[in-house]
Structure formats: structure tokens, C-alpha cells
Amino acid sequence: MMMNITELTLKELSSYCVENQLSLGVAESVTAGYLQFVLSQMPNAMHIFNGGITAYNIGQKVKHLGLDYVHGINCNCVSRATAESMAMNVCTLLNSKIGIAITGYASPVPEEGITELHAYMAIAINGTISHTHKLHSKETSAAEAQKDYVQQVITETLLRLQKLY
């Protein structure tokens, strides 16, 4: 049986985490738990993946992930700073060495001028933001955009770890 790209990437991500004794925690919004589901499928997930939180609205991002309320209101919780706050605070929340966060849009919001799908992801490693990246998706359904974002996040995370370790 041939592995697909996600399986191969997850296998590599797992290897890096095991070799470097790294644990992962996830804070997600736009992907609505899908990133957590996919990471739970990686080899050795039980020893690497500490879990995650799906904070879908501003109240939960403020309460559980330390997002500044005024900032969240001003950007509809979609910004680099939001992703960075989520990544840093999920490390503390889940006692993880690595925090991965994503927030964005999986479908257009024309009334807010959002026509192109985009999201921000951030990776915190050992208490410092290591990487922030703006993602784009050309998918036409929310579910496909969420899958696309998850693949991009996993790939970006692996690339970041390869540069650091």
C-alpha cells in the first residue's frame, strides 16, 4: 500500500518529535478540530501529541488562549498576532514544547470584504514564536479548505523543525 503525502509528512514529523523529545499542542479555529484529528493519526501520537483546543469564537480565544479582546474584535480574530497568541498559550495550557495554531477563513465573508480564503498559522517552540505564516486556499468548499490548511500547517511545521533540529 502506497502512503499519501500527508502520511509521509506525519511520519517525518513524528520522527523529528521523537528524536528531539518534543511534544505538540494545537490551538485551532478555522480547521475546527481537523488538525487535531490528523495529528492523532501520526505514528507515536500517544507519546507526542498532548492534545488541542478548538476555540471557534472570540470568547473562547480570550478565556483559554490569552487573546487580547480588543485586538480580536478589530481583526475578527484573524491575524498574525492572534495565531501567535494562540500558539504561545496552548503550550502552557497543554504543557507542550511546541504549540501550533491556526485561525482564518474557510469560506468567504462578503459582508466583511473577505473574498479570498486565508489563514494565519504560528508555531511556538520552547516559549518563543519560531514561525508565523499566512496560508492561502483556492478550495471552493469549507471542508476542502480546512483539509488544505491542515496539509499546509503540517508541511510548514515539518519544514520549521528540519531547519531547527
Protein backbone atom coordinates (compact mmCIF):
# COMPACT_ATOMS: atom_id res chain seq x y z
CA MET A 1 0.00 0.00 0.00
CA MET A 2 1.40 3.39 -1.01
CA MET A 3 1.39 6.23 1.53
CA ASN A 4 -0.03 9.60 0.58
CA ILE A 5 1.77 12.88 1.16
CA THR A 6 0.04 13.55 4.47
CA GLU A 7 1.01 10.13 5.85
CA LEU A 8 4.62 10.60 4.76
CA THR A 9 4.75 14.09 6.29
CA LEU A 10 3.20 12.85 9.54
CA LYS A 11 5.72 10.01 9.71
CA GLU A 12 8.59 12.50 9.31
CA LEU A 13 7.05 14.91 11.83
CA SER A 14 6.69 12.07 14.30
CA SER A 15 10.34 11.06 13.83
CA TYR A 16 11.57 14.62 14.48
CA CYS A 17 9.47 14.90 17.61
CA VAL A 18 10.57 11.53 19.00
CA GLU A 19 14.26 12.12 18.23
CA ASN A 20 14.18 15.57 19.88
CA GLN A 21 11.76 14.75 22.71
CA LEU A 22 9.23 17.31 21.51
CA SER A 23 5.56 17.32 22.45
CA LEU A 24 2.85 19.05 20.41
CA GLY A 25 -0.20 21.04 21.43
CA VAL A 26 -2.66 22.57 18.98
CA ALA A 27 -4.95 25.60 19.10
CA GLU A 28 -7.23 25.85 16.13
CA SER A 29 -10.21 27.77 14.92
CA VAL A 30 -10.73 27.67 11.15
CA THR A 31 -9.91 23.96 10.94
CA ALA A 32 -12.46 23.14 13.66
CA GLY A 33 -10.61 20.19 15.17
CA TYR A 34 -9.43 18.61 11.92
CA LEU A 35 -5.76 19.37 12.65
CA GLN A 36 -6.09 17.58 15.99
CA PHE A 37 -7.72 14.61 14.29
CA VAL A 38 -4.95 14.34 11.68
CA LEU A 39 -2.16 14.68 14.25
CA SER A 40 -3.77 11.95 16.34
CA GLN A 41 -3.18 9.62 13.37
CA MET A 42 0.59 10.08 13.23
CA PRO A 43 2.92 7.32 14.41
CA ASN A 44 3.67 7.60 18.15
CA ALA A 45 0.90 10.19 18.58
CA MET A 46 0.29 8.96 22.12
CA HIS A 47 3.84 10.00 23.08
CA ILE A 48 4.00 13.26 21.09
CA PHE A 49 0.56 14.81 20.74
CA ASN A 50 -0.65 16.33 24.01
CA GLY A 51 -3.98 17.38 22.52
CA GLY A 52 -5.61 20.55 21.44
CA ILE A 53 -8.31 23.11 21.80
CA THR A 54 -10.77 24.28 19.19
CA ALA A 55 -11.57 27.87 20.11
CA TYR A 56 -14.03 28.89 17.45
CA ASN A 57 -15.13 32.26 18.82
CA ILE A 58 -13.53 35.27 20.44
CA GLY A 59 -14.81 34.44 23.92
CA GLN A 60 -13.01 31.11 23.95
CA LYS A 61 -9.83 32.54 22.43
CA VAL A 62 -9.74 35.22 25.13
CA LYS A 63 -10.60 32.88 28.02
CA HIS A 64 -8.43 29.88 27.16
CA LEU A 65 -5.70 31.24 24.88
CA GLY A 66 -4.99 34.71 26.24
CA LEU A 67 -6.07 36.64 23.14
CA ASP A 68 -6.44 40.36 23.70
CA TYR A 69 -10.17 41.08 23.33
CA VAL A 70 -9.79 44.46 21.63
CA HIS A 71 -7.32 43.06 19.11
CA GLY A 72 -9.63 40.12 18.42
CA ILE A 73 -12.62 42.39 17.81
CA ASN A 74 -10.63 44.61 15.47
CA CYS A 75 -9.48 41.77 13.21
CA ASN A 76 -12.29 39.22 13.64
CA CYS A 77 -9.65 37.05 15.37
CA VAL A 78 -7.80 36.54 12.08
CA SER A 79 -4.26 37.92 12.25
CA ARG A 80 -0.64 37.00 12.83
CA ALA A 81 -0.90 38.28 16.40
CA THR A 82 -3.95 36.10 17.05
CA ALA A 83 -2.19 32.97 15.76
CA GLU A 84 0.92 33.81 17.79
CA SER A 85 -1.09 34.30 20.99
CA MET A 86 -2.87 31.00 20.39
CA ALA A 87 0.41 29.14 19.73
CA MET A 88 2.19 30.53 22.79
CA ASN A 89 -0.69 29.96 25.17
CA VAL A 90 -1.54 26.44 24.01
CA CYS A 91 2.00 25.43 25.04
CA THR A 92 1.21 26.48 28.60
CA LEU A 93 -2.32 25.12 28.53
CA LEU A 94 -1.20 21.66 27.36
CA ASN A 95 2.35 21.58 28.75
CA SER A 96 3.80 21.19 25.26
CA LYS A 97 7.21 22.15 23.91
CA ILE A 98 5.62 23.02 20.55
CA GLY A 99 2.39 24.95 20.07
CA ILE A 100 0.80 25.06 16.65
CA ALA A 101 -2.07 27.46 15.97
CA ILE A 102 -4.28 28.36 13.04
CA THR A 103 -7.04 30.92 12.59
CA GLY A 104 -8.64 32.17 9.40
CA TYR A 105 -11.45 31.84 6.88
CA ALA A 106 -12.67 28.59 5.30
CA SER A 107 -15.38 30.36 3.34
CA PRO A 108 -15.86 33.89 2.02
CA VAL A 109 -17.49 36.53 4.23
CA PRO A 110 -18.61 39.07 1.63
CA GLU A 111 -20.25 41.38 4.19
CA GLU A 112 -16.79 41.83 5.76
CA GLY A 113 -14.96 42.13 2.45
CA ILE A 114 -13.39 38.66 2.76
CA THR A 115 -13.41 37.14 -0.72
CA GLU A 116 -10.13 35.21 -0.73
CA LEU A 117 -9.64 32.35 1.71
CA HIS A 118 -6.68 32.84 4.01
CA ALA A 119 -5.48 31.87 7.44
CA TYR A 120 -2.57 32.57 9.75
CA MET A 121 -0.59 29.86 11.43
CA ALA A 122 2.05 30.20 14.11
CA ILE A 123 4.48 27.79 15.72
CA ALA A 124 5.84 28.38 19.20
CA ILE A 125 8.80 26.29 20.33
CA ASN A 126 10.08 26.34 23.91
CA GLY A 127 8.27 29.58 24.75
CA THR A 128 9.22 31.57 21.65
CA ILE A 129 7.42 32.18 18.37
CA SER A 130 9.51 30.30 15.85
CA HIS A 131 7.43 30.80 12.72
CA THR A 132 4.36 32.66 11.53
CA HIS A 133 2.95 32.20 8.07
CA LYS A 134 -0.04 33.38 6.05
CA LEU A 135 -1.76 30.50 4.27
CA HIS A 136 -3.99 30.72 1.21
CA SER A 137 -6.51 28.28 -0.17
CA LYS A 138 -8.18 28.16 -3.57
CA GLU A 139 -10.66 25.49 -2.49
CA THR A 140 -14.34 26.18 -3.08
CA SER A 141 -15.87 24.31 -0.15
CA ALA A 142 -15.18 24.96 3.52
CA ALA A 143 -14.36 21.28 4.18
CA GLU A 144 -11.79 21.19 1.37
CA ALA A 145 -10.27 24.49 2.51
CA GLN A 146 -9.92 23.05 6.03
CA LYS A 147 -8.14 19.97 4.65
CA ASP A 148 -5.90 22.19 2.53
CA TYR A 149 -4.96 24.32 5.54
CA VAL A 150 -4.18 21.24 7.65
CA GLN A 151 -1.83 19.88 4.97
CA GLN A 152 -0.12 23.28 4.76
CA VAL A 153 0.25 23.53 8.55
CA ILE A 154 1.75 20.04 8.86
CA THR A 155 4.17 20.72 6.00
CA GLU A 156 5.21 24.12 7.41
CA THR A 157 5.72 22.60 10.86
CA LEU A 158 7.92 19.84 9.49
CA LEU A 159 9.96 22.34 7.45
CA ARG A 160 10.46 24.51 10.55
CA LEU A 161 11.62 21.55 12.65
CA GLN A 162 14.00 20.42 9.90
CA LYS A 163 15.63 23.87 9.97
CA LEU A 164 15.95 23.89 13.76
CA TYR A 165 16.99 20.32 14.55
